[in-house]
N, C-alpha and C. Protein backbone atom coordinates (compact mmCIF):
# COMPACT_ATOMS: atom_id res chain seq x y z
N MET A 1 98.88 83.81 118.25
CA MET A 1 97.97 83.08 118.95
C MET A 1 97.07 82.26 118.11
N LYS A 2 96.71 81.13 118.41
CA LYS A 2 95.75 80.30 117.78
C LYS A 2 94.42 80.84 117.71
N VAL A 3 93.52 80.84 116.63
CA VAL A 3 92.34 81.57 116.45
C VAL A 3 91.30 80.63 116.15
N ARG A 4 90.07 80.80 116.77
CA ARG A 4 88.88 80.14 116.42
C ARG A 4 87.75 81.02 116.06
N PHE A 5 87.15 80.79 114.91
CA PHE A 5 85.99 81.66 114.44
C PHE A 5 84.57 81.02 114.60
N LYS A 6 83.68 81.79 114.70
CA LYS A 6 82.23 81.44 115.01
C LYS A 6 81.65 81.13 113.53
N TYR A 7 80.34 80.56 113.41
CA TYR A 7 79.73 80.44 112.27
C TYR A 7 80.36 79.55 111.24
N GLY A 8 81.09 78.55 111.62
CA GLY A 8 81.70 77.59 110.76
C GLY A 8 82.81 78.07 109.87
N ILE A 9 83.46 79.31 110.26
CA ILE A 9 84.49 79.73 109.39
C ILE A 9 85.69 79.10 110.01
N LYS A 10 86.39 78.36 109.05
CA LYS A 10 87.48 77.51 109.60
C LYS A 10 88.85 78.39 109.61
N THR A 11 89.27 79.11 108.56
CA THR A 11 90.39 80.05 108.64
C THR A 11 90.11 81.22 107.85
N TYR A 12 90.90 82.27 108.02
CA TYR A 12 90.95 83.42 107.32
C TYR A 12 92.23 84.04 107.15
N THR A 13 92.42 84.62 106.08
CA THR A 13 93.79 85.28 105.66
C THR A 13 93.50 86.71 105.38
N GLY A 14 94.18 87.69 106.14
CA GLY A 14 93.93 89.09 105.89
C GLY A 14 93.87 89.79 107.26
N THR A 15 93.49 90.99 107.19
CA THR A 15 93.53 92.00 108.32
C THR A 15 92.10 92.44 108.68
N ALA A 16 91.63 92.28 109.79
CA ALA A 16 90.47 92.76 110.24
C ALA A 16 90.43 93.04 111.70
N ASP A 17 89.76 94.20 112.20
CA ASP A 17 89.60 94.58 113.54
C ASP A 17 90.99 94.68 114.23
N GLU A 18 91.99 95.32 113.59
CA GLU A 18 93.33 95.56 114.21
C GLU A 18 93.89 94.25 114.47
N MET A 19 93.61 93.13 113.71
CA MET A 19 94.23 91.85 113.85
C MET A 19 94.87 91.38 112.44
N THR A 20 95.85 90.71 112.34
CA THR A 20 96.29 90.13 111.09
C THR A 20 96.12 88.54 111.21
N TYR A 21 95.48 87.92 110.19
CA TYR A 21 95.34 86.56 110.37
C TYR A 21 96.02 85.96 109.29
N GLY A 22 96.49 84.63 109.42
CA GLY A 22 97.26 83.88 108.51
C GLY A 22 96.69 82.47 108.44
N SER A 23 96.45 81.88 107.26
CA SER A 23 95.96 80.45 107.26
C SER A 23 97.19 79.57 107.07
N TYR A 24 97.30 78.54 107.84
CA TYR A 24 98.37 77.54 107.44
C TYR A 24 97.95 76.09 107.60
N ARG A 25 98.84 75.14 107.21
CA ARG A 25 98.46 73.75 107.08
C ARG A 25 97.27 73.28 106.20
N ASN A 26 97.18 73.90 105.06
CA ASN A 26 96.06 73.78 104.09
C ASN A 26 94.78 73.99 104.71
N GLY A 27 94.75 75.20 105.46
CA GLY A 27 93.51 75.73 105.88
C GLY A 27 92.99 75.09 107.24
N SER A 28 93.89 74.26 107.92
CA SER A 28 93.46 73.55 109.14
C SER A 28 93.88 74.35 110.44
N LEU A 29 94.72 75.56 110.24
CA LEU A 29 95.39 76.33 111.33
C LEU A 29 95.18 77.66 111.06
N CYS A 30 94.68 78.54 111.97
CA CYS A 30 94.67 79.93 111.68
C CYS A 30 95.42 80.72 112.82
N ILE A 31 96.35 81.44 112.62
CA ILE A 31 97.13 82.18 113.69
C ILE A 31 96.90 83.59 113.45
N GLY A 32 96.60 84.35 114.49
CA GLY A 32 96.38 85.78 114.65
C GLY A 32 97.42 86.54 115.34
N ARG A 33 97.62 87.75 114.84
CA ARG A 33 98.61 88.72 115.63
C ARG A 33 98.14 90.20 115.59
N LYS A 34 98.49 90.94 116.36
CA LYS A 34 98.10 92.36 116.39
C LYS A 34 98.64 93.07 115.06
N TYR A 35 97.90 93.72 114.43
CA TYR A 35 98.43 94.46 113.15
C TYR A 35 99.42 95.61 113.60
N VAL A 36 100.49 95.70 113.01
CA VAL A 36 101.49 96.72 113.30
C VAL A 36 101.74 97.44 111.91
N MET A 37 101.48 98.78 111.93
CA MET A 37 101.69 99.58 110.68
C MET A 37 103.24 99.75 110.62
N PRO A 38 103.56 99.38 109.29
CA PRO A 38 104.96 99.53 108.92
C PRO A 38 105.52 100.96 108.86
N ARG A 39 106.69 101.18 109.26
CA ARG A 39 107.24 102.46 109.35
C ARG A 39 107.62 102.93 107.87
N THR A 40 107.69 103.94 107.54
CA THR A 40 107.94 104.50 106.20
C THR A 40 109.42 104.76 106.36
N THR A 41 110.33 104.26 105.28
CA THR A 41 111.64 104.37 105.28
C THR A 41 112.04 105.30 104.11
N THR A 42 113.31 105.55 104.02
CA THR A 42 113.83 106.43 103.08
C THR A 42 113.76 105.77 101.70
N GLN A 43 113.89 104.40 101.65
CA GLN A 43 113.64 103.76 100.50
C GLN A 43 112.26 103.80 99.97
N ASN A 44 111.24 103.72 100.87
CA ASN A 44 109.88 103.94 100.46
C ASN A 44 109.65 105.34 99.79
N THR A 45 110.15 106.33 100.58
CA THR A 45 110.05 107.66 100.03
C THR A 45 110.65 107.91 98.61
N SER A 46 111.96 107.45 98.45
CA SER A 46 112.56 107.35 97.16
C SER A 46 111.82 106.69 96.07
N MET A 47 111.62 105.49 96.25
CA MET A 47 110.79 104.79 95.29
C MET A 47 109.42 105.38 95.06
N GLY A 48 108.81 105.97 96.01
CA GLY A 48 107.53 106.76 95.70
C GLY A 48 107.84 107.86 94.79
N ALA A 49 108.76 108.71 95.11
CA ALA A 49 109.02 109.67 94.27
C ALA A 49 109.45 109.30 92.73
N LYS A 50 110.27 108.29 92.52
CA LYS A 50 110.49 107.79 91.30
C LYS A 50 109.23 107.25 90.47
N ILE A 51 108.48 106.48 91.07
CA ILE A 51 107.22 106.01 90.48
C ILE A 51 106.12 107.19 90.12
N LYS A 52 106.17 108.17 91.06
CA LYS A 52 105.22 109.29 90.77
C LYS A 52 105.71 110.02 89.71
N ASN A 53 107.08 110.20 89.44
CA ASN A 53 107.56 111.00 88.42
C ASN A 53 107.53 110.16 86.99
N LEU A 54 107.77 108.88 87.19
CA LEU A 54 107.67 108.11 85.99
C LEU A 54 106.26 107.91 85.43
N ALA A 55 105.20 108.00 86.33
CA ALA A 55 103.84 108.03 85.83
C ALA A 55 103.59 109.41 85.16
N ASN A 56 104.10 110.46 85.52
CA ASN A 56 103.92 111.73 84.90
C ASN A 56 104.63 111.71 83.48
N VAL A 57 105.83 111.15 83.44
CA VAL A 57 106.57 110.90 82.17
C VAL A 57 105.78 110.00 81.22
N PHE A 58 105.16 108.96 81.68
CA PHE A 58 104.42 108.10 81.01
C PHE A 58 103.12 108.75 80.36
N GLY A 59 102.53 109.62 81.10
CA GLY A 59 101.30 110.41 80.80
C GLY A 59 101.69 111.44 79.63
N ASP A 60 102.89 111.90 79.63
CA ASP A 60 103.39 112.77 78.52
C ASP A 60 103.78 112.14 77.18
N CYS A 61 103.99 110.87 77.22
CA CYS A 61 104.34 110.06 76.01
C CYS A 61 103.21 110.12 75.12
N SER A 62 103.64 109.96 73.71
CA SER A 62 102.69 110.04 72.83
C SER A 62 101.66 108.88 72.81
N THR A 63 100.50 109.10 72.13
CA THR A 63 99.38 108.14 72.09
C THR A 63 99.95 106.93 71.32
N GLY A 64 100.67 107.15 70.21
CA GLY A 64 101.26 106.03 69.41
C GLY A 64 102.22 105.11 70.23
N TYR A 65 103.09 105.83 71.01
CA TYR A 65 104.05 105.18 71.79
C TYR A 65 103.31 104.14 72.92
N LYS A 66 102.22 104.80 73.54
CA LYS A 66 101.51 103.90 74.53
C LYS A 66 100.78 102.74 73.76
N ASP A 67 100.18 103.10 72.62
CA ASP A 67 99.62 101.86 71.94
C ASP A 67 100.70 100.87 71.59
N ASP A 68 101.71 101.14 71.18
CA ASP A 68 102.96 100.31 70.78
C ASP A 68 103.25 99.44 72.11
N LEU A 69 103.34 100.11 73.19
CA LEU A 69 103.69 99.48 74.47
C LEU A 69 102.64 98.52 74.92
N LYS A 70 101.28 98.87 74.58
CA LYS A 70 100.30 97.93 74.85
C LYS A 70 100.31 96.65 73.94
N VAL A 71 100.66 96.91 72.67
CA VAL A 71 100.92 95.67 71.78
C VAL A 71 102.00 94.87 72.22
N TYR A 72 103.11 95.58 72.62
CA TYR A 72 104.31 94.82 73.19
C TYR A 72 103.95 93.96 74.44
N ALA A 73 103.17 94.62 75.32
CA ALA A 73 102.77 93.88 76.62
C ALA A 73 101.94 92.72 76.17
N GLY A 74 101.03 92.71 75.20
CA GLY A 74 100.22 91.57 74.75
C GLY A 74 101.20 90.52 74.26
N LYS A 75 102.31 90.85 73.48
CA LYS A 75 103.15 89.90 72.94
C LYS A 75 104.09 89.24 74.01
N TYR A 76 104.45 90.16 74.94
CA TYR A 76 105.40 89.77 75.96
C TYR A 76 104.79 88.70 76.92
N GLN A 77 103.37 88.78 76.96
CA GLN A 77 102.63 87.68 77.75
C GLN A 77 102.98 86.30 77.44
N ALA A 78 103.35 86.04 76.16
CA ALA A 78 103.89 84.70 75.81
C ALA A 78 105.00 84.24 76.58
N LEU A 79 105.79 85.26 77.06
CA LEU A 79 107.22 84.89 77.79
C LEU A 79 107.02 84.63 79.15
N VAL A 80 105.82 85.01 79.84
CA VAL A 80 105.53 84.82 81.14
C VAL A 80 105.06 83.50 81.57
N PRO A 81 105.65 82.90 82.60
CA PRO A 81 105.49 81.58 82.88
C PRO A 81 104.00 81.35 83.26
N ALA A 82 103.45 80.30 83.13
CA ALA A 82 102.02 79.86 83.36
C ALA A 82 101.89 80.12 84.90
N GLY A 83 100.75 80.75 85.28
CA GLY A 83 100.39 80.97 86.67
C GLY A 83 100.89 82.30 87.10
N LYS A 84 101.64 83.03 86.47
CA LYS A 84 102.16 84.33 86.78
C LYS A 84 101.30 85.47 85.96
N LEU A 85 101.22 86.45 86.57
CA LEU A 85 100.50 87.66 85.88
C LEU A 85 101.44 88.43 84.95
N ALA A 86 100.84 88.71 83.81
CA ALA A 86 101.71 89.43 82.79
C ALA A 86 101.71 90.87 83.15
N PRO A 87 102.90 91.58 82.94
CA PRO A 87 103.04 92.97 83.37
C PRO A 87 102.03 93.74 82.46
N THR A 88 101.72 94.97 83.00
CA THR A 88 100.95 96.03 82.15
C THR A 88 102.02 96.83 81.40
N SER A 89 101.40 97.62 80.59
CA SER A 89 102.43 98.50 79.68
C SER A 89 103.08 99.35 80.55
N PHE A 90 102.48 99.90 81.62
CA PHE A 90 103.19 100.76 82.50
C PHE A 90 104.23 99.98 83.17
N ALA A 91 104.02 98.85 83.64
CA ALA A 91 105.05 98.10 84.44
C ALA A 91 106.19 97.83 83.60
N ILE A 92 105.91 97.57 82.19
CA ILE A 92 107.11 97.46 81.31
C ILE A 92 107.88 98.63 81.09
N PHE A 93 107.18 99.80 81.07
CA PHE A 93 107.78 101.22 80.92
C PHE A 93 108.64 101.43 82.01
N VAL A 94 108.24 101.11 83.27
CA VAL A 94 109.02 101.38 84.53
C VAL A 94 110.20 100.48 84.51
N LYS A 95 110.00 99.14 84.26
CA LYS A 95 111.23 98.21 84.21
C LYS A 95 112.15 98.75 83.28
N MET A 96 111.84 99.20 82.06
CA MET A 96 112.77 99.75 80.97
C MET A 96 113.54 101.11 81.54
N MET A 97 112.67 101.87 82.20
CA MET A 97 113.37 102.99 82.69
C MET A 97 114.35 102.77 83.85
N PHE A 98 114.00 101.97 84.71
CA PHE A 98 115.06 101.45 85.74
C PHE A 98 116.37 100.92 85.16
N LEU A 99 116.19 100.10 84.25
CA LEU A 99 117.33 99.57 83.48
C LEU A 99 118.13 100.55 82.73
N PHE A 100 117.42 101.53 82.07
CA PHE A 100 118.09 102.70 81.43
C PHE A 100 118.82 103.55 82.42
N SER A 101 118.16 103.70 83.58
CA SER A 101 118.92 104.57 84.64
C SER A 101 120.13 103.86 85.15
N LYS A 102 119.96 102.55 85.37
CA LYS A 102 121.22 101.74 85.85
C LYS A 102 122.28 101.62 84.97
N LEU A 103 122.04 101.61 83.63
CA LEU A 103 123.12 101.49 82.67
C LEU A 103 123.77 102.81 82.17
N ASP A 104 122.94 103.96 82.57
CA ASP A 104 123.49 105.17 82.25
C ASP A 104 123.63 106.08 83.63
N GLU A 105 124.26 105.48 84.54
CA GLU A 105 124.28 106.00 85.95
C GLU A 105 124.88 107.36 85.89
N GLY A 106 124.30 108.29 86.74
CA GLY A 106 124.81 109.58 86.80
C GLY A 106 124.12 110.57 85.83
N HIS A 107 123.57 110.09 84.70
CA HIS A 107 122.89 110.78 83.82
C HIS A 107 121.48 111.05 83.99
N VAL A 108 120.75 110.02 84.40
CA VAL A 108 119.35 109.91 84.58
C VAL A 108 119.04 109.66 86.02
N ASP A 109 118.28 110.57 86.55
CA ASP A 109 117.77 110.44 87.84
C ASP A 109 116.29 110.21 87.73
N LEU A 110 115.67 109.18 88.03
CA LEU A 110 114.25 108.73 87.72
C LEU A 110 113.30 109.63 88.57
N ALA A 111 113.65 110.26 89.74
CA ALA A 111 112.86 111.02 90.57
C ALA A 111 112.69 112.41 89.87
N THR A 112 113.52 112.93 88.89
CA THR A 112 113.55 114.21 88.31
C THR A 112 113.48 114.21 86.76
N VAL A 113 113.60 113.01 86.14
CA VAL A 113 113.67 113.19 84.67
C VAL A 113 112.44 113.48 84.06
N THR A 114 112.42 114.31 82.99
CA THR A 114 111.16 114.72 82.24
C THR A 114 111.13 114.03 80.88
N HIS A 115 109.95 114.16 80.29
CA HIS A 115 109.67 113.69 78.96
C HIS A 115 110.78 114.25 77.99
N THR A 116 110.89 115.69 78.04
CA THR A 116 111.95 116.37 77.31
C THR A 116 113.22 115.82 77.57
N ASP A 117 113.69 115.60 78.68
CA ASP A 117 114.99 114.96 78.99
C ASP A 117 115.10 113.70 78.27
N LEU A 118 114.15 112.84 78.17
CA LEU A 118 114.21 111.51 77.54
C LEU A 118 114.38 111.63 75.98
N GLN A 119 113.58 112.86 75.40
CA GLN A 119 113.74 113.02 74.05
C GLN A 119 115.08 113.44 73.67
N THR A 120 115.85 114.04 74.59
CA THR A 120 117.28 114.47 74.30
C THR A 120 118.20 113.34 74.56
N LEU A 121 118.07 112.66 75.69
CA LEU A 121 119.04 111.58 76.25
C LEU A 121 118.62 110.24 75.80
N GLY A 122 117.39 109.97 75.58
CA GLY A 122 116.94 108.64 75.43
C GLY A 122 116.81 108.12 74.09
N GLY A 123 117.79 108.28 73.11
CA GLY A 123 117.68 107.75 71.80
C GLY A 123 117.75 106.26 71.76
N ASP A 124 118.18 105.54 72.65
CA ASP A 124 118.26 104.12 72.82
C ASP A 124 116.71 103.60 73.19
N ILE A 125 116.08 104.56 73.83
CA ILE A 125 114.64 103.92 74.12
C ILE A 125 113.47 104.87 73.46
N ALA A 126 113.90 105.53 72.37
CA ALA A 126 112.94 106.51 71.73
C ALA A 126 111.75 105.67 71.30
N SER A 127 111.75 104.54 70.90
CA SER A 127 110.64 103.76 70.45
C SER A 127 110.85 102.36 71.05
N ILE A 128 109.71 101.54 71.13
CA ILE A 128 109.88 100.06 71.65
C ILE A 128 110.98 99.47 70.73
N ALA A 129 110.77 99.48 69.43
CA ALA A 129 111.73 98.83 68.63
C ALA A 129 113.29 99.15 68.98
N ASP A 130 113.56 100.37 69.23
CA ASP A 130 114.81 100.78 69.84
C ASP A 130 115.22 100.16 71.09
N ALA A 131 114.26 100.07 72.01
CA ALA A 131 114.52 99.50 73.33
C ALA A 131 114.84 98.20 73.13
N VAL A 132 114.10 97.40 72.29
CA VAL A 132 114.34 96.02 72.25
C VAL A 132 115.71 95.80 71.50
N GLU A 133 116.00 96.64 70.46
CA GLU A 133 117.20 96.43 69.73
C GLU A 133 118.36 96.75 70.58
N ASN A 134 118.43 97.70 71.61
CA ASN A 134 119.42 97.93 72.45
C ASN A 134 119.45 97.29 73.64
N GLY A 135 118.59 96.17 73.93
CA GLY A 135 118.61 95.39 74.91
C GLY A 135 117.99 95.71 76.32
N TYR A 136 117.20 96.97 76.29
CA TYR A 136 116.45 97.34 77.39
C TYR A 136 115.03 96.69 77.63
N LEU A 137 114.60 95.99 76.54
CA LEU A 137 113.50 95.06 76.68
C LEU A 137 113.69 93.65 75.99
N PRO A 138 113.13 92.67 76.50
CA PRO A 138 113.28 91.39 75.88
C PRO A 138 112.60 91.39 74.42
N ASN A 139 113.09 90.51 73.54
CA ASN A 139 112.62 90.57 72.24
C ASN A 139 111.52 89.65 72.14
N VAL A 140 110.42 90.20 71.35
CA VAL A 140 109.14 89.44 71.04
C VAL A 140 108.89 89.51 69.59
N PRO A 141 108.07 88.62 69.02
CA PRO A 141 107.99 88.66 67.58
C PRO A 141 107.32 89.95 67.11
N ASP A 142 108.02 90.36 66.01
CA ASP A 142 107.47 91.80 65.30
C ASP A 142 107.84 92.83 66.17
N ALA A 143 108.72 92.99 67.18
CA ALA A 143 108.91 94.10 68.02
C ALA A 143 109.61 95.14 67.09
N ASP A 144 110.10 94.86 65.94
CA ASP A 144 110.74 95.83 65.07
C ASP A 144 109.74 96.72 64.56
N GLU A 145 108.50 96.39 64.41
CA GLU A 145 107.36 97.14 63.82
C GLU A 145 106.83 98.18 64.77
N LEU A 146 107.35 98.16 66.06
CA LEU A 146 106.63 99.19 67.03
C LEU A 146 107.61 100.24 67.05
N THR A 147 107.42 101.27 66.20
CA THR A 147 108.33 102.32 65.92
C THR A 147 107.81 103.72 66.26
N ALA A 148 106.82 103.83 67.08
CA ALA A 148 106.26 105.04 67.34
C ALA A 148 107.06 105.68 68.34
N ASP A 149 107.48 107.01 68.22
CA ASP A 149 108.45 107.73 69.20
C ASP A 149 107.61 108.16 70.24
N MET A 150 108.47 108.18 71.48
CA MET A 150 108.06 108.56 72.72
C MET A 150 107.43 109.98 72.72
């Protein structure tokens, strides 16, 4: 439904009072609809379990590895197109882990993998330099100097 606001407010985008509003036509039209809570799916549950576990694994990584990942994220920022947000060190870690799991299917389950498992199985991603060398992360300048172990 078309919406009109009081007090000179032309349009609004967001959710308020159990309604969702959207601004269209460069702010000249506002449409509102009743907010519907999305259903939780098995995909949501599966992804949540994986990300929660990866957050625990990331927390168990060495300080040197996390520092190297932050340095890598800073250098990776040059590869990100203008107007886009650069990923954080944790986002890069998650992306690397999903690729590692995909390429080594059957051996690595991201919902249950532990830091100890990665120290045993994860020779390809033991350091940022190893991950770049083995194709799990894009190459950035001086990536070969980021050698702190996980």
